[in-house]
């Protein structure tokens, strides 16, 4: 389900966010960063979503394999 929504929303969001200086000159026309890198905003939005997903997985998911904590690989220890 998430993949299907992402294949629809992703290109729409990328198209809306691309070239903000050309698409919205009143808001972003005077910002040199958006003039020099017109496709940075979709990439930054994607990086933000991926960072939020990584942070939520890291903080909210619990470990399910408690047996792996008791077993120590002797060849991996420094």
PDB file of N, CA and C in Angstrom:
ATOM      1  N   UNK A   1       0.821  -1.189   0.000  1.00  0.00           N
ATOM      2  CA  UNK A   1       0.000   0.000   0.000  1.00  0.00           C
ATOM      3  C   UNK A   1       0.868   1.257   0.000  1.00  0.00           C
ATOM      4  N   UNK A   2       1.912   1.264   0.812  1.00  0.00           N
ATOM      5  CA  UNK A   2       2.771   2.434   0.884  1.00  0.00           C
ATOM      6  C   UNK A   2       3.495   2.666  -0.432  1.00  0.00           C
ATOM      7  N   UNK A   3       3.919   1.592  -1.082  1.00  0.00           N
ATOM      8  CA  UNK A   3       4.607   1.735  -2.359  1.00  0.00           C
ATOM      9  C   UNK A   3       3.685   2.356  -3.402  1.00  0.00           C
ATOM     10  N   UNK A   4       2.426   1.928  -3.427  1.00  0.00           N
ATOM     11  CA  UNK A   4       1.479   2.466  -4.398  1.00  0.00           C
ATOM     12  C   UNK A   4       1.219   3.950  -4.175  1.00  0.00           C
ATOM     13  N   UNK A   5       1.091   4.345  -2.933  1.00  0.00           N
ATOM     14  CA  UNK A   5       0.884   5.761  -2.630  1.00  0.00           C
ATOM     15  C   UNK A   5       2.144   6.551  -2.974  1.00  0.00           C
ATOM     16  N   UNK A   6       3.304   5.987  -2.704  1.00  0.00           N
ATOM     17  CA  UNK A   6       4.557   6.677  -2.987  1.00  0.00           C
ATOM     18  C   UNK A   6       4.806   6.878  -4.466  1.00  0.00           C
ATOM     19  N   UNK A   7       4.382   5.926  -5.289  1.00  0.00           N
ATOM     20  CA  UNK A   7       4.585   6.087  -6.733  1.00  0.00           C
ATOM     21  C   UNK A   7       3.660   7.134  -7.321  1.00  0.00           C
ATOM     22  N   UNK A   8       2.584   7.454  -6.642  1.00  0.00           N
ATOM     23  CA  UNK A   8       1.683   8.515  -7.103  1.00  0.00           C
ATOM     24  C   UNK A   8       2.095   9.864  -6.521  1.00  0.00           C
ATOM     25  N   UNK A   9       2.347   9.906  -5.235  1.00  0.00           N
ATOM     26  CA  UNK A   9       2.642  11.168  -4.551  1.00  0.00           C
ATOM     27  C   UNK A   9       4.062  11.660  -4.847  1.00  0.00           C
ATOM     28  N   UNK A  10       5.015  10.737  -5.006  1.00  0.00           N
ATOM     29  CA  UNK A  10       6.413  11.123  -5.206  1.00  0.00           C
ATOM     30  C   UNK A  10       6.650  12.003  -6.418  1.00  0.00           C
ATOM     31  N   UNK A  11       6.219  11.611  -7.609  1.00  0.00           N
ATOM     32  CA  UNK A  11       6.421  12.487  -8.766  1.00  0.00           C
ATOM     33  C   UNK A  11       5.650  13.808  -8.685  1.00  0.00           C
ATOM     34  N   UNK A  12       4.469  13.763  -8.076  1.00  0.00           N
ATOM     35  CA  UNK A  12       3.707  15.009  -7.915  1.00  0.00           C
ATOM     36  C   UNK A  12       4.456  15.965  -7.000  1.00  0.00           C
ATOM     37  N   UNK A  13       4.930  15.452  -5.874  1.00  0.00           N
ATOM     38  CA  UNK A  13       5.670  16.286  -4.921  1.00  0.00           C
ATOM     39  C   UNK A  13       6.983  16.779  -5.525  1.00  0.00           C
ATOM     40  N   UNK A  14       7.670  15.907  -6.262  1.00  0.00           N
ATOM     41  CA  UNK A  14       8.905  16.318  -6.916  1.00  0.00           C
ATOM     42  C   UNK A  14       8.672  17.388  -7.961  1.00  0.00           C
ATOM     43  N   UNK A  15       7.584  17.288  -8.711  1.00  0.00           N
ATOM     44  CA  UNK A  15       7.274  18.299  -9.709  1.00  0.00           C
ATOM     45  C   UNK A  15       6.888  19.635  -9.105  1.00  0.00           C
ATOM     46  N   UNK A  16       6.171  19.579  -7.999  1.00  0.00           N
ATOM     47  CA  UNK A  16       5.772  20.826  -7.336  1.00  0.00           C
ATOM     48  C   UNK A  16       6.981  21.522  -6.721  1.00  0.00           C
ATOM     49  N   UNK A  17       7.896  20.750  -6.154  1.00  0.00           N
ATOM     50  CA  UNK A  17       9.038  21.341  -5.455  1.00  0.00           C
ATOM     51  C   UNK A  17      10.201  21.707  -6.376  1.00  0.00           C
ATOM     52  N   UNK A  18      10.236  21.178  -7.586  1.00  0.00           N
ATOM     53  CA  UNK A  18      11.385  21.453  -8.456  1.00  0.00           C
ATOM     54  C   UNK A  18      11.325  22.873  -8.998  1.00  0.00           C
ATOM     55  N   UNK A  19      12.484  23.469  -9.109  1.00  0.00           N
ATOM     56  CA  UNK A  19      12.680  24.827  -9.625  1.00  0.00           C
ATOM     57  C   UNK A  19      11.762  25.851  -8.952  1.00  0.00           C
ATOM     58  N   UNK A  20      11.930  26.052  -7.645  1.00  0.00           N
ATOM     59  CA  UNK A  20      11.054  27.014  -6.968  1.00  0.00           C
ATOM     60  C   UNK A  20      11.294  28.453  -7.401  1.00  0.00           C
ATOM     61  N   UNK A  21      12.515  28.773  -7.838  1.00  0.00           N
ATOM     62  CA  UNK A  21      12.777  30.147  -8.276  1.00  0.00           C
ATOM     63  C   UNK A  21      12.056  30.453  -9.579  1.00  0.00           C
ATOM     64  N   UNK A  22      11.914  29.461 -10.453  1.00  0.00           N
ATOM     65  CA  UNK A  22      11.200  29.674 -11.705  1.00  0.00           C
ATOM     66  C   UNK A  22       9.699  29.540 -11.559  1.00  0.00           C
ATOM     67  N   UNK A  23       9.254  28.626 -10.683  1.00  0.00           N
ATOM     68  CA  UNK A  23       7.819  28.393 -10.506  1.00  0.00           C
ATOM     69  C   UNK A  23       7.162  29.436  -9.609  1.00  0.00           C
ATOM     70  N   UNK A  24       7.858  29.860  -8.596  1.00  0.00           N
ATOM     71  CA  UNK A  24       7.328  30.833  -7.637  1.00  0.00           C
ATOM     72  C   UNK A  24       8.316  31.992  -7.491  1.00  0.00           C
ATOM     73  N   UNK A  25       8.437  32.840  -8.517  1.00  0.00           N
ATOM     74  CA  UNK A  25       9.480  33.887  -8.468  1.00  0.00           C
ATOM     75  C   UNK A  25       9.241  34.940  -7.387  1.00  0.00           C
ATOM     76  N   UNK A  26       7.984  35.152  -6.982  1.00  0.00           N
ATOM     77  CA  UNK A  26       7.729  36.139  -5.930  1.00  0.00           C
ATOM     78  C   UNK A  26       8.268  35.684  -4.578  1.00  0.00           C
ATOM     79  N   UNK A  27       8.235  34.379  -4.332  1.00  0.00           N
ATOM     80  CA  UNK A  27       8.703  33.855  -3.046  1.00  0.00           C
ATOM     81  C   UNK A  27      10.186  33.499  -3.052  1.00  0.00           C
ATOM     82  N   UNK A  28      10.634  32.814  -4.114  1.00  0.00           N
ATOM     83  CA  UNK A  28      11.984  32.248  -4.119  1.00  0.00           C
ATOM     84  C   UNK A  28      12.893  32.821  -5.204  1.00  0.00           C
ATOM     85  N   UNK A  29      12.440  33.809  -5.929  1.00  0.00           N
ATOM     86  CA  UNK A  29      13.221  34.337  -7.048  1.00  0.00           C
ATOM     87  C   UNK A  29      14.499  35.039  -6.643  1.00  0.00           C
ATOM     88  N   UNK A  30      14.543  35.620  -5.467  1.00  0.00           N
ATOM     89  CA  UNK A  30      15.714  36.383  -5.031  1.00  0.00           C
ATOM     90  C   UNK A  30      16.690  35.562  -4.203  1.00  0.00           C
ATOM     91  N   UNK A  31      16.465  34.292  -4.055  1.00  0.00           N
ATOM     92  CA  UNK A  31      17.342  33.442  -3.250  1.00  0.00           C
ATOM     93  C   UNK A  31      18.339  32.766  -4.183  1.00  0.00           C
ATOM     94  N   UNK A  32      19.628  33.081  -4.051  1.00  0.00           N
ATOM     95  CA  UNK A  32      20.616  32.531  -4.984  1.00  0.00           C
ATOM     96  C   UNK A  32      20.753  31.012  -4.921  1.00  0.00           C
ATOM     97  N   UNK A  33      20.503  30.405  -3.770  1.00  0.00           N
ATOM     98  CA  UNK A  33      20.618  28.954  -3.654  1.00  0.00           C
ATOM     99  C   UNK A  33      19.636  28.250  -4.593  1.00  0.00           C
ATOM    100  N   UNK A  34      18.398  28.741  -4.633  1.00  0.00           N
ATOM    101  CA  UNK A  34      17.391  28.117  -5.488  1.00  0.00           C
ATOM    102  C   UNK A  34      17.626  28.420  -6.960  1.00  0.00           C
ATOM    103  N   UNK A  35      18.304  29.514  -7.265  1.00  0.00           N
ATOM    104  CA  UNK A  35      18.649  29.803  -8.653  1.00  0.00           C
ATOM    105  C   UNK A  35      19.796  28.914  -9.120  1.00  0.00           C
ATOM    106  N   UNK A  36      20.739  28.665  -8.251  1.00  0.00           N
ATOM    107  CA  UNK A  36      21.887  27.846  -8.633  1.00  0.00           C
ATOM    108  C   UNK A  36      21.565  26.345  -8.627  1.00  0.00           C
ATOM    109  N   UNK A  37      20.768  25.901  -7.655  1.00  0.00           N
ATOM    110  CA  UNK A  37      20.402  24.483  -7.528  1.00  0.00           C
ATOM    111  C   UNK A  37      18.875  24.356  -7.600  1.00  0.00           C
ATOM    112  N   UNK A  38      18.299  24.344  -8.801  1.00  0.00           N
ATOM    113  CA  UNK A  38      16.832  24.345  -8.901  1.00  0.00           C
ATOM    114  C   UNK A  38      16.176  23.037  -8.473  1.00  0.00           C
ATOM    115  N   UNK A  39      16.924  21.943  -8.442  1.00  0.00           N
ATOM    116  CA  UNK A  39      16.333  20.648  -8.069  1.00  0.00           C
ATOM    117  C   UNK A  39      16.778  20.191  -6.687  1.00  0.00           C
ATOM    118  N   UNK A  40      17.221  21.110  -5.873  1.00  0.00           N
ATOM    119  CA  UNK A  40      17.645  20.756  -4.518  1.00  0.00           C
ATOM    120  C   UNK A  40      16.455  20.530  -3.591  1.00  0.00           C
ATOM    121  N   UNK A  41      15.365  21.252  -3.785  1.00  0.00           N
ATOM    122  CA  UNK A  41      14.238  21.131  -2.848  1.00  0.00           C
ATOM    123  C   UNK A  41      13.582  19.750  -2.874  1.00  0.00           C
ATOM    124  N   UNK A  42      13.372  19.087  -4.029  1.00  0.00           N
ATOM    125  CA  UNK A  42      12.821  17.728  -3.935  1.00  0.00           C
ATOM    126  C   UNK A  42      13.775  16.758  -3.255  1.00  0.00           C
ATOM    127  N   UNK A  43      15.065  16.948  -3.480  1.00  0.00           N
ATOM    128  CA  UNK A  43      16.045  16.072  -2.828  1.00  0.00           C
ATOM    129  C   UNK A  43      16.099  16.320  -1.331  1.00  0.00           C
ATOM    130  N   UNK A  44      16.010  17.571  -0.917  1.00  0.00           N
ATOM    131  CA  UNK A  44      16.004  17.881   0.512  1.00  0.00           C
ATOM    132  C   UNK A  44      14.734  17.361   1.181  1.00  0.00           C
ATOM    133  N   UNK A  45      13.604  17.441   0.499  1.00  0.00           N
ATOM    134  CA  UNK A  45      12.363  16.900   1.049  1.00  0.00           C
ATOM    135  C   UNK A  45      12.453  15.385   1.193  1.00  0.00           C
ATOM    136  N   UNK A  46      13.014  14.724   0.193  1.00  0.00           N
ATOM    137  CA  UNK A  46      13.190  13.271   0.268  1.00  0.00           C
ATOM    138  C   UNK A  46      14.138  12.903   1.398  1.00  0.00           C
ATOM    139  N   UNK A  47      15.225  13.649   1.553  1.00  0.00           N
ATOM    140  CA  UNK A  47      16.165  13.385   2.644  1.00  0.00           C
ATOM    141  C   UNK A  47      15.502  13.599   3.997  1.00  0.00           C
ATOM    142  N   UNK A  48      14.643  14.606   4.097  1.00  0.00           N
ATOM    143  CA  UNK A  48      13.928  14.857   5.346  1.00  0.00           C
ATOM    144  C   UNK A  48      12.986  13.700   5.687  1.00  0.00           C
ATOM    145  N   UNK A  49      12.233  13.212   4.688  1.00  0.00           N
ATOM    146  CA  UNK A  49      11.328  12.086   4.930  1.00  0.00           C
ATOM    147  C   UNK A  49      12.096  10.833   5.312  1.00  0.00           C
ATOM    148  N   UNK A  50      13.220  10.585   4.652  1.00  0.00           N
ATOM    149  CA  UNK A  50      14.025   9.413   4.991  1.00  0.00           C
ATOM    150  C   UNK A  50      14.628   9.529   6.381  1.00  0.00           C
ATOM    151  N   UNK A  51      15.053  10.725   6.756  1.00  0.00           N
ATOM    152  CA  UNK A  51      15.593  10.934   8.096  1.00  0.00           C
ATOM    153  C   UNK A  51      14.512  10.712   9.153  1.00  0.00           C
ATOM    154  N   UNK A  52      13.288  11.187   8.892  1.00  0.00           N
ATOM    155  CA  UNK A  52      12.191  10.970   9.838  1.00  0.00           C
ATOM    156  C   UNK A  52      11.865   9.486   9.967  1.00  0.00           C
ATOM    157  N   UNK A  53      11.893   8.763   8.858  1.00  0.00           N
ATOM    158  CA  UNK A  53      11.639   7.326   8.903  1.00  0.00           C
ATOM    159  C   UNK A  53      12.734   6.606   9.680  1.00  0.00           C
ATOM    160  N   UNK A  54      13.999   6.991   9.443  1.00  0.00           N
ATOM    161  CA  UNK A  54      15.103   6.370  10.159  1.00  0.00           C
ATOM    162  C   UNK A  54      15.012   6.653  11.657  1.00  0.00           C
ATOM    163  N   UNK A  55      14.694   7.882  12.001  1.00  0.00           N
ATOM    164  CA  UNK A  55      14.587   8.258  13.407  1.00  0.00           C
ATOM    165  C   UNK A  55      13.437   7.530  14.096  1.00  0.00           C
ATOM    166  N   UNK A  56      12.308   7.400  13.418  1.00  0.00           N
ATOM    167  CA  UNK A  56      11.182   6.705  14.028  1.00  0.00           C
ATOM    168  C   UNK A  56      11.463   5.214  14.191  1.00  0.00           C
ATOM    169  N   UNK A  57      12.157   4.598  13.246  1.00  0.00           N
ATOM    170  CA  UNK A  57      12.520   3.191  13.382  1.00  0.00           C
ATOM    171  C   UNK A  57      13.518   3.016  14.517  1.00  0.00           C
ATOM    172  N   UNK A  58      14.480   3.902  14.597  1.00  0.00           N
ATOM    173  CA  UNK A  58      15.516   3.786  15.629  1.00  0.00           C
ATOM    174  C   UNK A  58      14.935   3.986  17.028  1.00  0.00           C
ATOM    175  N   UNK A  59      14.008   4.927  17.175  1.00  0.00           N
ATOM    176  CA  UNK A  59      13.495   5.240  18.500  1.00  0.00           C
ATOM    177  C   UNK A  59      12.267   4.421  18.903  1.00  0.00           C
ATOM    178  N   UNK A  60      11.464   3.984  17.936  1.00  0.00           N
ATOM    179  CA  UNK A  60      10.173   3.395  18.284  1.00  0.00           C
ATOM    180  C   UNK A  60      10.103   1.881  18.158  1.00  0.00           C
ATOM    181  N   UNK A  61      10.945   1.278  17.369  1.00  0.00           N
ATOM    182  CA  UNK A  61      10.881  -0.178  17.235  1.00  0.00           C
ATOM    183  C   UNK A  61      11.708  -0.852  18.323  1.00  0.00           C
ATOM    184  N   UNK A  62      11.156  -1.925  18.852  1.00  0.00           N
ATOM    185  CA  UNK A  62      11.855  -2.664  19.896  1.00  0.00           C
ATOM    186  C   UNK A  62      12.569  -3.857  19.287  1.00  0.00           C
ATOM    187  N   UNK A  63      13.596  -4.308  19.965  1.00  0.00           N
ATOM    188  CA  UNK A  63      14.322  -5.502  19.532  1.00  0.00           C
ATOM    189  C   UNK A  63      13.447  -6.718  19.766  1.00  0.00           C
ATOM    190  N   UNK A  64      13.357  -7.594  18.754  1.00  0.00           N
ATOM    191  CA  UNK A  64      12.515  -8.774  18.879  1.00  0.00           C
ATOM    192  C   UNK A  64      13.320 -10.046  19.077  1.00  0.00           C
ATOM    193  N   UNK A  65      14.601 -10.009  18.826  1.00  0.00           N
ATOM    194  CA  UNK A  65      15.437 -11.193  18.950  1.00  0.00           C
ATOM    195  C   UNK A  65      16.355 -11.022  20.162  1.00  0.00           C
ATOM    196  N   UNK A  66      15.835 -11.375  21.326  1.00  0.00           N
ATOM    197  CA  UNK A  66      16.618 -11.194  22.539  1.00  0.00           C
ATOM    198  C   UNK A  66      17.705 -12.252  22.681  1.00  0.00           C
ATOM    199  N   UNK A  67      17.589 -13.348  21.961  1.00  0.00           N
ATOM    200  CA  UNK A  67      18.608 -14.390  22.036  1.00  0.00           C
ATOM    201  C   UNK A  67      19.921 -13.910  21.429  1.00  0.00           C
ATOM    202  N   UNK A  68      19.869 -12.968  20.517  1.00  0.00           N
ATOM    203  CA  UNK A  68      21.097 -12.481  19.900  1.00  0.00           C
ATOM    204  C   UNK A  68      21.924 -11.651  20.868  1.00  0.00           C
ATOM    205  N   UNK A  69      21.317 -11.134  21.919  1.00  0.00           N
ATOM    206  CA  UNK A  69      22.074 -10.360  22.902  1.00  0.00           C
ATOM    207  C   UNK A  69      22.955 -11.255  23.763  1.00  0.00           C
ATOM    208  N   UNK A  70      22.515 -12.496  24.005  1.00  0.00           N
ATOM    209  CA  UNK A  70      23.279 -13.401  24.847  1.00  0.00           C
ATOM    210  C   UNK A  70      24.434 -14.030  24.083  1.00  0.00           C
ATOM    211  N   UNK A  71      24.310 -14.162  22.779  1.00  0.00           N
ATOM    212  CA  UNK A  71      25.344 -14.795  21.972  1.00  0.00           C
ATOM    213  C   UNK A  71      26.319 -13.728  21.481  1.00  0.00           C
ATOM    214  N   UNK A  72      27.572 -13.908  21.789  1.00  0.00           N
ATOM    215  CA  UNK A  72      28.616 -12.971  21.386  1.00  0.00           C
ATOM    216  C   UNK A  72      29.510 -13.648  20.379  1.00  0.00           C
ATOM    217  N   UNK A  73      29.724 -13.020  19.256  1.00  0.00           N
ATOM    218  CA  UNK A  73      30.637 -13.557  18.254  1.00  0.00           C
ATOM    219  C   UNK A  73      32.067 -13.275  18.696  1.00  0.00           C
ATOM    220  N   UNK A  74      32.822 -14.321  18.953  1.00  0.00           N
ATOM    221  CA  UNK A  74      34.187 -14.103  19.436  1.00  0.00           C
ATOM    222  C   UNK A  74      35.090 -13.557  18.337  1.00  0.00           C
ATOM    223  N   UNK A  75      34.789 -13.837  17.088  1.00  0.00           N
ATOM    224  CA  UNK A  75      35.642 -13.329  16.017  1.00  0.00           C
ATOM    225  C   UNK A  75      35.342 -11.870  15.682  1.00  0.00           C
ATOM    226  N   UNK A  76      34.230 -11.322  16.181  1.00  0.00           N
ATOM    227  CA  UNK A  76      33.892  -9.935  15.913  1.00  0.00           C
ATOM    228  C   UNK A  76      34.308  -8.994  17.030  1.00  0.00           C
ATOM    229  N   UNK A  77      34.703  -9.531  18.172  1.00  0.00           N
ATOM    230  CA  UNK A  77      35.106  -8.694  19.293  1.00  0.00           C
ATOM    231  C   UNK A  77      36.495  -8.113  19.059  1.00  0.00           C
ATOM    232  N   UNK A  78      36.637  -6.886  19.461  1.00  0.00           N
ATOM    233  CA  UNK A  78      37.941  -6.214  19.299  1.00  0.00           C
ATOM    234  C   UNK A  78      38.666  -6.223  20.620  1.00  0.00           C
TER     235      UNK A  78
END
